[in-house]
Amino acid sequence: MAHRYILAIDYEKCTGCHLCELACSIKHHGVVNPYLSRITIITKPEIQASAPVYCLQCNDALCARACPANAIYFDEKIGAWLIDYNKCIGCRECVYACPFGAISLTVKAEPIKCDLCGGDPECVKVCPHDAIIYGPEYEVVRKLKKGKAVGTVYEVLEKGVEVPAGNRVKDAEEAVKTLYRIWEERKKLNI
């Protein structure tokens, strides 16, 4: 039996840098435009917190149930709910149905949502703090639980203790290089 792959966020690691939004918009639209991203960072500067909003690829997706044209379907190979734009009638019912606000609209009123980049999410590659995790569900859940437990133990033992080296932070240069690589790939496709 194949393991389901999921995208998840370690919210304690997210700094709200928005690199994931930029990589997503470049990957899907060939432009740097956070409004065209399938992941959205909501930032509350007054409490210094950021929270990525993205499609959770629900087991029983309300967006798919709400679609009167049956344009939203589950792709078993990718493990994501995808939109068939040939069937989509632009009614926006999927946008209203999503309880997480993970479906947005383009300027042309076309719904857009995370498609996991066909099984190779760009947002994961550019996140400088490894806050976005993608992999088999059991591994991702284990990482999140382990990270939470480690953080709790260090907090209880002593405030200000450094996080172990296993929770490394990517170089900003590495993230920028990945963004440029995505940009160059899109230019080759002439999109």
N, C-alpha and C. Protein backbone atom coordinates (compact mmCIF):
# COMPACT_ATOMS: atom_id res chain seq x y z
N MET A 1 0.84 -1.19 0.00
CA MET A 1 0.00 0.00 0.00
C MET A 1 0.88 1.25 0.00
N ALA A 2 0.61 2.17 -0.89
CA ALA A 2 1.38 3.41 -0.99
C ALA A 2 1.02 4.34 0.17
N HIS A 3 2.01 5.06 0.62
CA HIS A 3 1.79 6.02 1.70
C HIS A 3 1.35 7.35 1.11
N ARG A 4 0.38 7.96 1.77
CA ARG A 4 -0.10 9.27 1.34
C ARG A 4 0.93 10.33 1.70
N TYR A 5 1.24 11.21 0.75
CA TYR A 5 2.15 12.32 0.99
C TYR A 5 1.34 13.55 1.35
N ILE A 6 1.85 14.30 2.33
CA ILE A 6 1.14 15.51 2.76
C ILE A 6 2.11 16.68 2.89
N LEU A 7 1.54 17.86 2.83
CA LEU A 7 2.27 19.11 3.08
C LEU A 7 1.81 19.59 4.45
N ALA A 8 2.75 19.99 5.28
CA ALA A 8 2.39 20.47 6.62
C ALA A 8 3.31 21.63 7.00
N ILE A 9 2.89 22.37 7.99
CA ILE A 9 3.64 23.54 8.44
C ILE A 9 4.02 23.39 9.91
N ASP A 10 5.27 23.68 10.21
CA ASP A 10 5.70 23.81 11.59
C ASP A 10 5.60 25.31 11.89
N TYR A 11 4.47 25.71 12.44
CA TYR A 11 4.17 27.13 12.63
C TYR A 11 5.17 27.85 13.52
N GLU A 12 5.83 27.13 14.40
CA GLU A 12 6.81 27.75 15.27
C GLU A 12 8.06 28.17 14.51
N LYS A 13 8.31 27.57 13.35
CA LYS A 13 9.50 27.90 12.55
C LYS A 13 9.23 28.97 11.50
N CYS A 14 7.97 29.21 11.15
CA CYS A 14 7.64 30.18 10.10
C CYS A 14 7.92 31.60 10.58
N THR A 15 8.70 32.34 9.78
CA THR A 15 9.04 33.72 10.13
C THR A 15 8.26 34.73 9.29
N GLY A 16 7.44 34.25 8.36
CA GLY A 16 6.67 35.15 7.52
C GLY A 16 7.49 35.81 6.43
N CYS A 17 8.51 35.13 5.92
CA CYS A 17 9.40 35.73 4.91
C CYS A 17 8.76 35.80 3.51
N HIS A 18 7.70 35.04 3.28
CA HIS A 18 6.95 35.05 2.02
C HIS A 18 7.68 34.43 0.83
N LEU A 19 8.83 33.79 1.03
CA LEU A 19 9.53 33.14 -0.08
C LEU A 19 8.68 32.03 -0.70
N CYS A 20 7.90 31.36 0.12
CA CYS A 20 7.04 30.28 -0.40
C CYS A 20 6.01 30.84 -1.38
N GLU A 21 5.46 32.01 -1.07
CA GLU A 21 4.50 32.65 -1.98
C GLU A 21 5.15 33.00 -3.31
N LEU A 22 6.37 33.53 -3.25
CA LEU A 22 7.07 33.92 -4.47
C LEU A 22 7.38 32.71 -5.33
N ALA A 23 7.89 31.64 -4.71
CA ALA A 23 8.21 30.42 -5.46
C ALA A 23 6.97 29.83 -6.11
N CYS A 24 5.86 29.86 -5.40
CA CYS A 24 4.61 29.31 -5.92
C CYS A 24 4.11 30.11 -7.12
N SER A 25 4.12 31.44 -7.01
CA SER A 25 3.63 32.25 -8.13
C SER A 25 4.53 32.12 -9.35
N ILE A 26 5.83 32.00 -9.13
CA ILE A 26 6.75 31.80 -10.25
C ILE A 26 6.49 30.44 -10.90
N LYS A 27 6.36 29.42 -10.08
CA LYS A 27 6.15 28.06 -10.59
C LYS A 27 4.88 27.96 -11.44
N HIS A 28 3.80 28.55 -10.95
CA HIS A 28 2.50 28.36 -11.63
C HIS A 28 2.16 29.42 -12.67
N HIS A 29 2.68 30.63 -12.49
CA HIS A 29 2.30 31.72 -13.39
C HIS A 29 3.47 32.42 -14.07
N GLY A 30 4.69 32.08 -13.67
CA GLY A 30 5.87 32.69 -14.27
C GLY A 30 6.09 34.14 -13.89
N VAL A 31 5.44 34.58 -12.81
CA VAL A 31 5.60 35.95 -12.33
C VAL A 31 5.79 35.96 -10.82
N VAL A 32 6.42 37.01 -10.33
CA VAL A 32 6.55 37.18 -8.89
C VAL A 32 5.35 37.99 -8.44
N ASN A 33 4.35 37.29 -7.93
CA ASN A 33 3.11 37.94 -7.51
C ASN A 33 2.45 37.10 -6.42
N PRO A 34 2.59 37.51 -5.16
CA PRO A 34 2.02 36.74 -4.05
C PRO A 34 0.51 36.50 -4.18
N TYR A 35 -0.19 37.38 -4.90
CA TYR A 35 -1.64 37.20 -5.06
C TYR A 35 -1.97 35.99 -5.93
N LEU A 36 -1.00 35.51 -6.68
CA LEU A 36 -1.21 34.34 -7.53
C LEU A 36 -0.64 33.07 -6.89
N SER A 37 -0.26 33.16 -5.65
CA SER A 37 0.29 32.02 -4.93
C SER A 37 -0.82 31.15 -4.38
N ARG A 38 -0.55 29.87 -4.30
CA ARG A 38 -1.50 28.93 -3.73
C ARG A 38 -1.29 28.73 -2.24
N ILE A 39 -0.28 29.39 -1.70
CA ILE A 39 -0.05 29.42 -0.26
C ILE A 39 -0.01 30.90 0.12
N THR A 40 -0.65 31.24 1.22
CA THR A 40 -0.73 32.64 1.64
C THR A 40 -0.23 32.76 3.07
N ILE A 41 0.63 33.73 3.29
CA ILE A 41 1.13 33.96 4.64
C ILE A 41 0.33 35.09 5.28
N ILE A 42 -0.30 34.77 6.38
CA ILE A 42 -1.02 35.79 7.15
C ILE A 42 -0.09 36.20 8.29
N THR A 43 0.21 37.48 8.36
CA THR A 43 1.15 37.97 9.36
C THR A 43 0.44 38.92 10.31
N LYS A 44 0.70 38.72 11.57
CA LYS A 44 0.18 39.61 12.63
C LYS A 44 1.39 40.25 13.29
N PRO A 45 1.86 41.40 12.77
CA PRO A 45 3.08 42.02 13.32
C PRO A 45 2.96 42.42 14.78
N GLU A 46 1.76 42.75 15.22
CA GLU A 46 1.61 43.19 16.61
C GLU A 46 1.91 42.08 17.61
N ILE A 47 1.79 40.82 17.17
CA ILE A 47 2.15 39.71 18.07
C ILE A 47 3.32 38.90 17.51
N GLN A 48 3.93 39.39 16.45
CA GLN A 48 5.08 38.76 15.80
C GLN A 48 4.81 37.31 15.47
N ALA A 49 3.71 37.08 14.73
CA ALA A 49 3.36 35.72 14.34
C ALA A 49 2.95 35.68 12.87
N SER A 50 3.30 34.58 12.23
CA SER A 50 2.91 34.36 10.84
C SER A 50 2.32 32.96 10.72
N ALA A 51 1.31 32.84 9.86
CA ALA A 51 0.67 31.54 9.67
C ALA A 51 0.38 31.32 8.19
N PRO A 52 1.03 30.34 7.59
CA PRO A 52 0.72 30.00 6.20
C PRO A 52 -0.66 29.36 6.09
N VAL A 53 -1.40 29.78 5.08
CA VAL A 53 -2.70 29.19 4.78
C VAL A 53 -2.54 28.46 3.45
N TYR A 54 -2.89 27.20 3.43
CA TYR A 54 -2.70 26.37 2.25
C TYR A 54 -3.75 25.26 2.24
N CYS A 55 -3.92 24.60 1.11
CA CYS A 55 -4.89 23.51 1.01
C CYS A 55 -4.40 22.32 1.81
N LEU A 56 -5.25 21.82 2.67
CA LEU A 56 -4.90 20.68 3.51
C LEU A 56 -5.18 19.34 2.82
N GLN A 57 -5.68 19.39 1.59
CA GLN A 57 -6.00 18.17 0.84
C GLN A 57 -6.88 17.26 1.70
N CYS A 58 -7.99 17.80 2.14
CA CYS A 58 -8.91 17.12 3.04
C CYS A 58 -9.34 15.74 2.53
N ASN A 59 -9.58 14.83 3.45
CA ASN A 59 -10.08 13.51 3.06
C ASN A 59 -11.46 13.63 2.41
N ASP A 60 -12.30 14.45 2.99
CA ASP A 60 -13.64 14.70 2.44
C ASP A 60 -13.72 16.19 2.11
N ALA A 61 -13.21 16.55 0.93
CA ALA A 61 -13.06 17.95 0.56
C ALA A 61 -14.40 18.64 0.30
N LEU A 62 -14.70 19.64 1.11
CA LEU A 62 -15.94 20.39 0.93
C LEU A 62 -15.96 21.15 -0.39
N CYS A 63 -14.78 21.57 -0.86
CA CYS A 63 -14.72 22.29 -2.13
C CYS A 63 -15.19 21.39 -3.28
N ALA A 64 -14.79 20.13 -3.24
CA ALA A 64 -15.20 19.19 -4.29
C ALA A 64 -16.70 18.90 -4.20
N ARG A 65 -17.20 18.77 -2.97
CA ARG A 65 -18.64 18.51 -2.81
C ARG A 65 -19.48 19.69 -3.25
N ALA A 66 -18.95 20.91 -3.06
CA ALA A 66 -19.71 22.11 -3.41
C ALA A 66 -19.70 22.42 -4.90
N CYS A 67 -18.75 21.86 -5.64
CA CYS A 67 -18.60 22.19 -7.06
C CYS A 67 -19.73 21.58 -7.88
N PRO A 68 -20.60 22.42 -8.48
CA PRO A 68 -21.73 21.89 -9.26
C PRO A 68 -21.30 21.28 -10.60
N ALA A 69 -20.08 21.57 -11.04
CA ALA A 69 -19.59 21.07 -12.34
C ALA A 69 -18.66 19.86 -12.18
N ASN A 70 -18.48 19.40 -10.94
CA ASN A 70 -17.55 18.30 -10.66
C ASN A 70 -16.16 18.57 -11.25
N ALA A 71 -15.71 19.82 -11.13
CA ALA A 71 -14.42 20.22 -11.69
C ALA A 71 -13.26 19.94 -10.73
N ILE A 72 -13.57 19.63 -9.48
CA ILE A 72 -12.52 19.35 -8.51
C ILE A 72 -12.51 17.85 -8.26
N TYR A 73 -11.37 17.25 -8.51
CA TYR A 73 -11.24 15.80 -8.39
C TYR A 73 -9.95 15.45 -7.65
N PHE A 74 -9.92 14.25 -7.08
CA PHE A 74 -8.73 13.81 -6.34
C PHE A 74 -7.83 13.02 -7.26
N ASP A 75 -6.57 13.44 -7.37
CA ASP A 75 -5.58 12.74 -8.17
C ASP A 75 -4.82 11.81 -7.24
N GLU A 76 -5.05 10.52 -7.38
CA GLU A 76 -4.42 9.51 -6.51
C GLU A 76 -2.90 9.54 -6.59
N LYS A 77 -2.37 9.75 -7.78
CA LYS A 77 -0.92 9.72 -7.98
C LYS A 77 -0.23 10.85 -7.21
N ILE A 78 -0.79 12.04 -7.29
CA ILE A 78 -0.21 13.21 -6.62
C ILE A 78 -0.65 13.28 -5.16
N GLY A 79 -1.88 12.83 -4.90
CA GLY A 79 -2.42 12.92 -3.55
C GLY A 79 -3.01 14.28 -3.26
N ALA A 80 -3.54 14.92 -4.32
CA ALA A 80 -4.07 16.27 -4.16
C ALA A 80 -5.40 16.42 -4.89
N TRP A 81 -6.20 17.34 -4.37
CA TRP A 81 -7.43 17.73 -5.05
C TRP A 81 -7.05 18.76 -6.11
N LEU A 82 -7.38 18.48 -7.35
CA LEU A 82 -7.02 19.35 -8.47
C LEU A 82 -8.26 19.94 -9.11
N ILE A 83 -8.08 21.04 -9.83
CA ILE A 83 -9.18 21.70 -10.52
C ILE A 83 -9.04 21.44 -12.02
N ASP A 84 -10.10 20.92 -12.61
CA ASP A 84 -10.14 20.73 -14.06
C ASP A 84 -10.75 22.01 -14.64
N TYR A 85 -9.89 22.86 -15.18
CA TYR A 85 -10.35 24.16 -15.67
C TYR A 85 -11.22 24.05 -16.92
N ASN A 86 -11.21 22.92 -17.57
CA ASN A 86 -12.11 22.71 -18.71
C ASN A 86 -13.55 22.51 -18.25
N LYS A 87 -13.71 22.05 -17.00
CA LYS A 87 -15.04 21.85 -16.44
C LYS A 87 -15.50 23.02 -15.57
N CYS A 88 -14.54 23.76 -15.01
CA CYS A 88 -14.86 24.84 -14.06
C CYS A 88 -15.72 25.91 -14.74
N ILE A 89 -16.80 26.29 -14.06
CA ILE A 89 -17.70 27.31 -14.60
C ILE A 89 -17.52 28.67 -13.91
N GLY A 90 -16.57 28.73 -12.98
CA GLY A 90 -16.25 30.01 -12.31
C GLY A 90 -17.31 30.49 -11.34
N CYS A 91 -18.04 29.57 -10.73
CA CYS A 91 -19.12 29.97 -9.82
C CYS A 91 -18.64 30.39 -8.43
N ARG A 92 -17.43 30.04 -8.08
CA ARG A 92 -16.80 30.38 -6.80
C ARG A 92 -17.33 29.58 -5.60
N GLU A 93 -18.14 28.60 -5.82
CA GLU A 93 -18.67 27.80 -4.71
C GLU A 93 -17.56 27.12 -3.92
N CYS A 94 -16.49 26.71 -4.61
CA CYS A 94 -15.37 26.06 -3.92
C CYS A 94 -14.70 27.04 -2.94
N VAL A 95 -14.61 28.30 -3.35
CA VAL A 95 -13.98 29.32 -2.50
C VAL A 95 -14.79 29.49 -1.22
N TYR A 96 -16.11 29.56 -1.37
CA TYR A 96 -16.99 29.74 -0.21
C TYR A 96 -17.02 28.51 0.68
N ALA A 97 -16.88 27.32 0.07
CA ALA A 97 -17.00 26.07 0.82
C ALA A 97 -15.77 25.73 1.65
N CYS A 98 -14.60 26.18 1.23
CA CYS A 98 -13.37 25.82 1.95
C CYS A 98 -13.35 26.48 3.32
N PRO A 99 -13.35 25.67 4.40
CA PRO A 99 -13.37 26.26 5.74
C PRO A 99 -12.04 26.90 6.15
N PHE A 100 -10.99 26.68 5.36
CA PHE A 100 -9.67 27.20 5.71
C PHE A 100 -9.27 28.42 4.89
N GLY A 101 -10.09 28.80 3.90
CA GLY A 101 -9.74 29.94 3.05
C GLY A 101 -8.56 29.64 2.15
N ALA A 102 -8.40 28.37 1.76
CA ALA A 102 -7.23 27.96 0.99
C ALA A 102 -7.40 28.08 -0.52
N ILE A 103 -8.58 28.45 -0.97
CA ILE A 103 -8.81 28.63 -2.40
C ILE A 103 -9.01 30.12 -2.65
N SER A 104 -8.22 30.66 -3.56
CA SER A 104 -8.35 32.07 -3.90
C SER A 104 -8.70 32.20 -5.38
N LEU A 105 -8.84 33.43 -5.82
CA LEU A 105 -9.22 33.69 -7.21
C LEU A 105 -8.18 34.53 -7.92
N THR A 106 -7.99 34.24 -9.20
CA THR A 106 -7.12 35.09 -10.02
C THR A 106 -7.92 36.33 -10.42
N VAL A 107 -7.27 37.24 -11.12
CA VAL A 107 -7.95 38.45 -11.60
C VAL A 107 -9.09 38.07 -12.54
N LYS A 108 -8.93 36.94 -13.23
CA LYS A 108 -9.97 36.45 -14.15
C LYS A 108 -11.04 35.64 -13.43
N ALA A 109 -11.02 35.66 -12.11
CA ALA A 109 -11.97 34.94 -11.26
C ALA A 109 -11.87 33.43 -11.41
N GLU A 110 -10.68 32.92 -11.73
CA GLU A 110 -10.47 31.48 -11.76
C GLU A 110 -9.99 31.04 -10.38
N PRO A 111 -10.55 29.97 -9.84
CA PRO A 111 -10.09 29.50 -8.54
C PRO A 111 -8.70 28.87 -8.65
N ILE A 112 -7.87 29.13 -7.65
CA ILE A 112 -6.56 28.49 -7.58
C ILE A 112 -6.36 27.91 -6.19
N LYS A 113 -5.78 26.73 -6.14
CA LYS A 113 -5.50 26.06 -4.88
C LYS A 113 -4.24 25.23 -5.02
N CYS A 114 -3.66 24.82 -3.93
CA CYS A 114 -2.43 24.04 -3.95
C CYS A 114 -2.64 22.72 -4.69
N ASP A 115 -1.73 22.45 -5.62
CA ASP A 115 -1.75 21.18 -6.35
C ASP A 115 -0.50 20.36 -6.02
N LEU A 116 0.18 20.75 -4.96
CA LEU A 116 1.42 20.11 -4.50
C LEU A 116 2.48 20.11 -5.59
N CYS A 117 2.37 21.03 -6.54
CA CYS A 117 3.34 21.14 -7.65
C CYS A 117 3.57 19.79 -8.32
N GLY A 118 2.51 19.05 -8.45
CA GLY A 118 2.61 17.75 -9.10
C GLY A 118 3.35 16.71 -8.28
N GLY A 119 3.52 16.97 -7.00
CA GLY A 119 4.21 16.03 -6.12
C GLY A 119 5.62 16.47 -5.73
N ASP A 120 6.00 17.69 -6.11
CA ASP A 120 7.33 18.22 -5.79
C ASP A 120 7.20 19.70 -5.42
N PRO A 121 6.60 20.00 -4.25
CA PRO A 121 6.29 21.38 -3.88
C PRO A 121 7.50 22.31 -3.80
N GLU A 122 7.42 23.40 -4.55
CA GLU A 122 8.50 24.39 -4.58
C GLU A 122 8.62 25.14 -3.25
N CYS A 123 7.51 25.34 -2.56
CA CYS A 123 7.54 26.08 -1.30
C CYS A 123 8.45 25.40 -0.28
N VAL A 124 8.46 24.08 -0.29
CA VAL A 124 9.30 23.32 0.65
C VAL A 124 10.77 23.60 0.37
N LYS A 125 11.11 23.69 -0.92
CA LYS A 125 12.51 23.88 -1.32
C LYS A 125 13.07 25.24 -0.93
N VAL A 126 12.22 26.27 -0.91
CA VAL A 126 12.73 27.62 -0.65
C VAL A 126 12.57 28.08 0.79
N CYS A 127 11.84 27.36 1.59
CA CYS A 127 11.64 27.81 2.98
C CYS A 127 12.97 27.81 3.72
N PRO A 128 13.45 28.99 4.13
CA PRO A 128 14.78 29.07 4.75
C PRO A 128 14.85 28.50 6.17
N HIS A 129 13.69 28.21 6.76
CA HIS A 129 13.68 27.70 8.14
C HIS A 129 13.09 26.30 8.24
N ASP A 130 12.91 25.64 7.11
CA ASP A 130 12.33 24.29 7.07
C ASP A 130 10.99 24.23 7.80
N ALA A 131 10.22 25.29 7.67
CA ALA A 131 8.90 25.33 8.32
C ALA A 131 7.86 24.56 7.50
N ILE A 132 8.10 24.39 6.21
CA ILE A 132 7.16 23.67 5.35
C ILE A 132 7.74 22.28 5.11
N ILE A 133 6.95 21.28 5.44
CA ILE A 133 7.40 19.90 5.38
C ILE A 133 6.51 19.14 4.39
N TYR A 134 7.14 18.27 3.59
CA TYR A 134 6.39 17.44 2.64
C TYR A 134 6.99 16.04 2.67
N GLY A 135 6.12 15.06 2.73
CA GLY A 135 6.58 13.67 2.72
C GLY A 135 5.45 12.74 3.08
N PRO A 136 5.79 11.46 3.30
CA PRO A 136 4.77 10.50 3.72
C PRO A 136 4.10 10.99 5.01
N GLU A 137 2.81 10.83 5.08
CA GLU A 137 2.04 11.36 6.21
C GLU A 137 2.61 10.93 7.56
N TYR A 138 2.95 9.66 7.70
CA TYR A 138 3.45 9.18 8.99
C TYR A 138 4.77 9.86 9.38
N GLU A 139 5.65 10.14 8.39
CA GLU A 139 6.92 10.81 8.67
C GLU A 139 6.71 12.27 9.05
N VAL A 140 5.83 12.94 8.31
CA VAL A 140 5.58 14.36 8.57
C VAL A 140 4.97 14.55 9.96
N VAL A 141 4.00 13.72 10.29
CA VAL A 141 3.37 13.81 11.61
C VAL A 141 4.40 13.53 12.70
N ARG A 142 5.25 12.56 12.45
CA ARG A 142 6.30 12.23 13.43
C ARG A 142 7.26 13.40 13.63
N LYS A 143 7.67 14.04 12.52
CA LYS A 143 8.57 15.20 12.61
C LYS A 143 7.94 16.33 13.42
N LEU A 144 6.66 16.60 13.13
CA LEU A 144 5.98 17.69 13.84
C LEU A 144 5.86 17.37 15.32
N LYS A 145 5.51 16.14 15.66
CA LYS A 145 5.39 15.75 17.07
C LYS A 145 6.74 15.82 17.76
N LYS A 146 7.78 15.32 17.07
CA LYS A 146 9.12 15.32 17.65
C LYS A 146 9.60 16.74 17.87
N GLY A 147 9.40 17.61 16.88
CA GLY A 147 9.80 19.01 17.01
C GLY A 147 9.08 19.70 18.16
N LYS A 148 7.81 19.42 18.29
CA LYS A 148 7.02 20.01 19.37
C LYS A 148 7.53 19.52 20.72
N ALA A 149 7.82 18.23 20.81
CA ALA A 149 8.32 17.66 22.06
C ALA A 149 9.68 18.25 22.43
N VAL A 150 10.58 18.34 21.45
CA VAL A 150 11.91 18.90 21.71
C VAL A 150 11.79 20.34 22.18
N GLY A 151 10.95 21.12 21.50
CA GLY A 151 10.74 22.52 21.89
C GLY A 151 10.19 22.64 23.29
N THR A 152 9.25 21.80 23.65
CA THR A 152 8.65 21.83 24.97
C THR A 152 9.67 21.47 26.04
N VAL A 153 10.46 20.43 25.79
CA VAL A 153 11.47 20.00 26.76
C VAL A 153 12.48 21.12 27.01
N TYR A 154 12.98 21.73 25.94
CA TYR A 154 13.95 22.81 26.11
C TYR A 154 13.34 24.00 26.83
N GLU A 155 12.09 24.28 26.54
CA GLU A 155 11.44 25.42 27.19
C GLU A 155 11.27 25.15 28.68
N VAL A 156 10.92 23.93 29.03
CA VAL A 156 10.73 23.57 30.43
C VAL A 156 12.07 23.57 31.17
N LEU A 157 13.10 23.00 30.53
CA LEU A 157 14.40 22.90 31.20
C LEU A 157 15.03 24.25 31.46
N GLU A 158 15.04 25.07 30.42
CA GLU A 158 15.69 26.37 30.59
C GLU A 158 15.30 27.28 29.43
N LYS A 159 14.84 28.44 29.73
CA LYS A 159 14.51 29.42 28.69
C LYS A 159 15.79 29.83 27.97
N GLY A 160 15.66 29.99 26.66
CA GLY A 160 16.79 30.48 25.88
C GLY A 160 17.77 29.42 25.43
N VAL A 161 17.51 28.14 25.72
CA VAL A 161 18.40 27.06 25.26
C VAL A 161 18.27 26.94 23.75
N GLU A 162 19.38 26.80 23.07
CA GLU A 162 19.38 26.72 21.61
C GLU A 162 18.74 25.42 21.14
N VAL A 163 18.10 25.48 19.99
CA VAL A 163 17.52 24.30 19.37
C VAL A 163 18.66 23.45 18.80
N PRO A 164 18.57 22.12 18.87
CA PRO A 164 19.65 21.26 18.38
C PRO A 164 19.97 21.51 16.91
N ALA A 165 21.19 21.16 16.51
CA ALA A 165 21.66 21.38 15.14
C ALA A 165 20.79 20.67 14.11
N GLY A 166 20.07 19.64 14.50
CA GLY A 166 19.19 18.93 13.58
C GLY A 166 18.12 19.82 12.98
N ASN A 167 17.77 20.89 13.66
CA ASN A 167 16.78 21.84 13.16
C ASN A 167 17.50 23.01 12.49
N ARG A 168 18.30 22.71 11.49
CA ARG A 168 19.12 23.72 10.84
C ARG A 168 18.29 24.75 10.08
N VAL A 169 18.91 25.86 9.81
CA VAL A 169 18.29 26.91 9.02
C VAL A 169 19.04 26.99 7.70
N LYS A 170 18.32 26.91 6.60
CA LYS A 170 18.96 27.00 5.28
C LYS A 170 19.55 28.39 5.10
N ASP A 171 20.59 28.46 4.30
CA ASP A 171 21.16 29.76 3.96
C ASP A 171 20.17 30.53 3.10
N ALA A 172 20.11 31.82 3.30
CA ALA A 172 19.25 32.66 2.46
C ALA A 172 19.69 32.55 1.01
N GLU A 173 21.01 32.42 0.80
CA GLU A 173 21.53 32.29 -0.57
C GLU A 173 20.96 31.05 -1.25
N GLU A 174 20.85 29.95 -0.52
CA GLU A 174 20.31 28.71 -1.07
C GLU A 174 18.85 28.91 -1.49
N ALA A 175 18.08 29.60 -0.68
CA ALA A 175 16.67 29.85 -1.01
C ALA A 175 16.55 30.73 -2.25
N VAL A 176 17.39 31.76 -2.33
CA VAL A 176 17.35 32.66 -3.48
C VAL A 176 17.77 31.92 -4.75
N LYS A 177 18.79 31.07 -4.66
CA LYS A 177 19.23 30.27 -5.81
C LYS A 177 18.09 29.39 -6.31
N THR A 178 17.34 28.82 -5.40
CA THR A 178 16.21 27.97 -5.79
C THR A 178 15.15 28.80 -6.50
N LEU A 179 14.89 30.01 -6.00
CA LEU A 179 13.93 30.89 -6.67
C LEU A 179 14.38 31.22 -8.09
N TYR A 180 15.66 31.51 -8.25
CA TYR A 180 16.20 31.81 -9.59
C TYR A 180 16.08 30.59 -10.50
N ARG A 181 16.33 29.40 -9.95
CA ARG A 181 16.24 28.17 -10.74
C ARG A 181 14.80 27.98 -11.24
N ILE A 182 13.84 28.19 -10.37
CA ILE A 182 12.43 28.07 -10.76
C ILE A 182 12.11 29.09 -11.85
N TRP A 183 12.60 30.32 -11.64
CA TRP A 183 12.36 31.39 -12.62
C TRP A 183 12.94 31.01 -13.98
N GLU A 184 14.16 30.51 -14.01
CA GLU A 184 14.81 30.13 -15.26
C GLU A 184 14.08 28.98 -15.94
N GLU A 185 13.60 28.00 -15.15
CA GLU A 185 12.84 26.89 -15.73
C GLU A 185 11.57 27.39 -16.41
N ARG A 186 10.91 28.35 -15.77
CA ARG A 186 9.68 28.89 -16.34
C ARG A 186 9.98 29.65 -17.64
N LYS A 187 11.10 30.36 -17.68
CA LYS A 187 11.46 31.11 -18.88
C LYS A 187 11.72 30.15 -20.05
N LYS A 188 12.32 29.00 -19.77
CA LYS A 188 12.57 28.00 -20.83
C LYS A 188 11.28 27.47 -21.42
N LEU A 189 10.23 27.40 -20.59
CA LEU A 189 8.94 26.91 -21.05
C LEU A 189 8.18 27.96 -21.85
N ASN A 190 8.70 29.20 -21.84
CA ASN A 190 8.10 30.31 -22.58
C ASN A 190 6.66 30.59 -22.15
N ILE A 191 6.47 30.65 -20.82
CA ILE A 191 5.14 30.91 -20.28
C ILE A 191 5.05 32.34 -19.83
